[in-house]
């Protein structure tokens, strides 16, 4: 009987020691690279390592610094279009100026579409939109080696909604400085 009591005491002690051991809370998972660029626009990131800021100052070449120093990180398109208009060129020209002033910065240009149309159609349209923005930047002197493109199609809407206002914001190309 003594050995049963000892065995129970040992088991109880082991359980008591492990009872306080809980799993650590999972780390916050950052949004996917470029997160369709919305992280760049929302830039509510904290400060410190990995955020592109020190205190309240954005580090040159960081995503936050890019967004603060260009007219916009995105251009918008008409329905079923990938044409860059005069307003888009002004936005892209501000990006050219930033990239020329920061020659070590590389960018990813993300193409997006609204929710209408098939997945395949929207991926192809997003690709054409990203390439239109890239081609314009390249024509203004930004090296192709500093740019890559990706199409998210309709998979990463910037605005939720099922009306023309939301769709107009989702038809875009976003220039993102990867972190």
Protein backbone atom coordinates (compact mmCIF):
# COMPACT_ATOMS: atom_id res chain seq x y z
CA UNK A 1 0.00 0.00 0.00
CA UNK A 2 2.86 2.34 0.77
CA UNK A 3 4.14 2.04 -2.79
CA UNK A 4 0.69 2.93 -4.16
CA UNK A 5 0.59 6.00 -1.94
CA UNK A 6 4.08 6.98 -3.02
CA UNK A 7 3.18 6.45 -6.68
CA UNK A 8 0.09 8.64 -6.31
CA UNK A 9 2.12 11.33 -4.54
CA UNK A 10 4.73 11.34 -7.32
CA UNK A 11 2.04 11.57 -10.01
CA UNK A 12 0.25 14.35 -8.13
CA UNK A 13 3.52 16.28 -7.76
CA UNK A 14 4.28 15.89 -11.47
CA UNK A 15 0.81 17.10 -12.41
CA UNK A 16 1.08 20.06 -10.06
CA UNK A 17 4.41 21.06 -11.59
CA UNK A 18 3.06 20.95 -15.15
CA UNK A 19 -0.30 22.54 -14.37
CA UNK A 20 1.18 26.05 -14.48
CA UNK A 21 2.88 25.41 -17.80
CA UNK A 22 0.58 26.81 -20.42
CA UNK A 23 1.29 27.28 -24.07
CA UNK A 24 2.71 30.63 -24.98
CA UNK A 25 0.32 32.83 -26.89
CA UNK A 26 1.04 32.64 -30.62
CA UNK A 27 3.08 35.51 -31.98
CA UNK A 28 1.21 38.02 -34.04
CA UNK A 29 1.57 36.93 -37.62
CA UNK A 30 2.34 39.83 -39.95
CA UNK A 31 0.23 40.27 -43.06
CA UNK A 32 1.43 38.57 -46.23
CA UNK A 33 4.23 40.39 -48.02
CA UNK A 34 2.79 43.48 -49.45
CA UNK A 35 -0.50 42.49 -47.85
CA UNK A 36 -1.70 44.08 -51.08
CA UNK A 37 0.08 47.19 -49.92
CA UNK A 38 -2.64 48.05 -47.44
CA UNK A 39 -0.08 47.78 -44.63
CA UNK A 40 1.78 50.56 -46.39
CA UNK A 41 -1.32 52.71 -46.51
CA UNK A 42 -2.60 51.88 -43.06
CA UNK A 43 0.94 52.30 -41.63
CA UNK A 44 -0.30 52.00 -38.06
CA UNK A 45 2.69 49.79 -37.38
CA UNK A 46 4.55 50.20 -34.13
CA UNK A 47 8.08 51.37 -33.76
CA UNK A 48 11.32 49.49 -33.48
CA UNK A 49 12.91 46.63 -35.35
CA UNK A 50 11.11 45.51 -38.47
CA UNK A 51 8.67 48.41 -38.54
CA UNK A 52 10.72 50.89 -40.56
CA UNK A 53 10.49 53.50 -37.82
CA UNK A 54 12.56 54.72 -34.91
CA UNK A 55 10.40 56.66 -32.51
CA UNK A 56 8.18 58.61 -34.87
CA UNK A 57 10.69 58.92 -37.71
CA UNK A 58 10.44 56.60 -40.69
CA UNK A 59 13.76 55.13 -41.74
CA UNK A 60 14.85 56.05 -45.28
CA UNK A 61 14.12 53.18 -47.64
CA UNK A 62 11.42 51.68 -45.39
CA UNK A 63 7.83 51.09 -46.42
CA UNK A 64 6.68 53.90 -44.13
CA UNK A 65 9.26 56.31 -45.55
CA UNK A 66 8.11 55.49 -49.09
CA UNK A 67 4.43 56.11 -48.28
CA UNK A 68 5.27 59.40 -46.51
CA UNK A 69 7.30 60.68 -49.46
CA UNK A 70 5.22 59.83 -52.52
CA UNK A 71 1.93 61.25 -53.70
CA UNK A 72 0.36 57.79 -53.29
CA UNK A 73 1.44 54.16 -53.33
CA UNK A 74 -1.40 53.22 -55.70
CA UNK A 75 -3.03 54.08 -58.96
CA UNK A 76 -6.62 53.26 -59.86
CA UNK A 77 -8.04 51.90 -63.10
CA UNK A 78 -11.33 51.99 -64.95
CA UNK A 79 -13.35 48.81 -65.35
CA UNK A 80 -11.60 46.22 -67.55
CA UNK A 81 -8.73 48.64 -68.13
CA UNK A 82 -5.03 48.72 -67.46
CA UNK A 83 -4.35 52.11 -69.09
CA UNK A 84 -2.28 54.62 -67.13
CA UNK A 85 -3.90 58.07 -67.33
CA UNK A 86 -2.52 61.54 -66.54
CA UNK A 87 -3.46 61.34 -62.86
CA UNK A 88 -1.75 57.94 -62.60
CA UNK A 89 1.37 59.33 -64.28
CA UNK A 90 1.59 62.10 -61.67
CA UNK A 91 1.46 59.49 -58.88
CA UNK A 92 4.01 57.29 -60.62
CA UNK A 93 6.29 60.28 -61.26
CA UNK A 94 6.40 60.91 -57.50
CA UNK A 95 7.39 57.26 -57.06
CA UNK A 96 10.10 57.67 -59.71
CA UNK A 97 11.52 60.67 -57.82
CA UNK A 98 11.58 58.66 -54.58
CA UNK A 99 13.21 55.64 -56.21
CA UNK A 100 15.84 57.81 -57.90
CA UNK A 101 16.64 59.45 -54.55
CA UNK A 102 16.82 56.02 -52.87
CA UNK A 103 18.70 53.79 -55.33
CA UNK A 104 18.91 50.84 -52.93
CA UNK A 105 15.14 50.49 -52.62
CA UNK A 106 13.44 47.65 -54.47
CA UNK A 107 9.67 47.50 -54.98
CA UNK A 108 6.95 45.00 -55.72
CA UNK A 109 4.09 46.24 -57.84
CA UNK A 110 0.86 44.44 -57.04
CA UNK A 111 -2.00 44.29 -59.52
CA UNK A 112 -5.56 43.99 -58.24
CA UNK A 113 -9.07 43.71 -59.67
CA UNK A 114 -12.57 44.09 -58.30
CA UNK A 115 -14.68 41.08 -57.38
CA UNK A 116 -16.51 40.85 -60.69
CA UNK A 117 -15.29 38.38 -63.29
CA UNK A 118 -13.68 34.99 -63.00
CA UNK A 119 -10.61 34.32 -60.90
CA UNK A 120 -8.53 33.68 -64.02
CA UNK A 121 -9.71 36.84 -65.78
CA UNK A 122 -8.96 38.98 -62.73
CA UNK A 123 -5.51 37.44 -62.24
CA UNK A 124 -4.67 38.27 -65.86
CA UNK A 125 -6.08 41.80 -65.51
CA UNK A 126 -4.16 42.35 -62.27
CA UNK A 127 -1.01 41.22 -64.05
CA UNK A 128 -1.58 43.71 -66.87
CA UNK A 129 -2.19 46.50 -64.33
CA UNK A 130 0.99 45.74 -62.40
CA UNK A 131 2.98 45.55 -65.63
CA UNK A 132 1.55 48.90 -66.84
CA UNK A 133 2.76 50.60 -63.68
CA UNK A 134 6.14 48.85 -63.87
CA UNK A 135 6.56 49.74 -67.55
CA UNK A 136 5.87 53.40 -66.81
CA UNK A 137 8.37 53.47 -63.93
CA UNK A 138 10.93 51.77 -66.15
CA UNK A 139 10.31 54.25 -68.98
CA UNK A 140 11.15 57.04 -66.51
CA UNK A 141 14.50 55.47 -65.57
CA UNK A 142 13.82 53.00 -62.75
CA UNK A 143 15.80 49.82 -63.39
CA UNK A 144 13.72 46.72 -64.10
CA UNK A 145 16.06 44.83 -61.76
CA UNK A 146 14.65 46.85 -58.83
CA UNK A 147 11.04 45.93 -59.56
CA UNK A 148 8.96 42.80 -59.52
CA UNK A 149 5.27 42.36 -60.18
CA UNK A 150 2.58 40.12 -58.79
CA UNK A 151 -1.11 39.82 -59.50
CA UNK A 152 -3.57 39.19 -56.70
CA UNK A 153 -6.59 39.43 -58.99
CA UNK A 154 -9.67 39.80 -56.82
CA UNK A 155 -8.16 37.86 -53.90
CA UNK A 156 -7.10 40.86 -51.79
CA UNK A 157 -9.68 43.62 -51.95
CA UNK A 158 -8.55 46.90 -50.48
CA UNK A 159 -12.13 47.89 -49.65
CA UNK A 160 -14.98 45.63 -48.63
CA UNK A 161 -18.23 46.18 -50.45
CA UNK A 162 -20.25 45.11 -53.43
CA UNK A 163 -20.91 48.42 -55.15
CA UNK A 164 -19.20 50.70 -57.65
CA UNK A 165 -17.51 52.74 -54.93
CA UNK A 166 -15.77 49.67 -53.47
CA UNK A 167 -15.00 48.21 -56.89
CA UNK A 168 -13.37 51.49 -58.00
CA UNK A 169 -10.95 51.34 -55.04
CA UNK A 170 -10.15 47.67 -55.69
CA UNK A 171 -9.14 48.18 -59.34
CA UNK A 172 -5.58 49.22 -58.58
CA UNK A 173 -1.85 48.75 -58.83
CA UNK A 174 0.02 49.23 -55.55
CA UNK A 175 3.75 49.87 -55.29
CA UNK A 176 5.08 48.23 -52.14
CA UNK A 177 8.50 48.41 -50.52
CA UNK A 178 8.95 44.91 -49.06
CA UNK A 179 9.96 44.79 -45.39
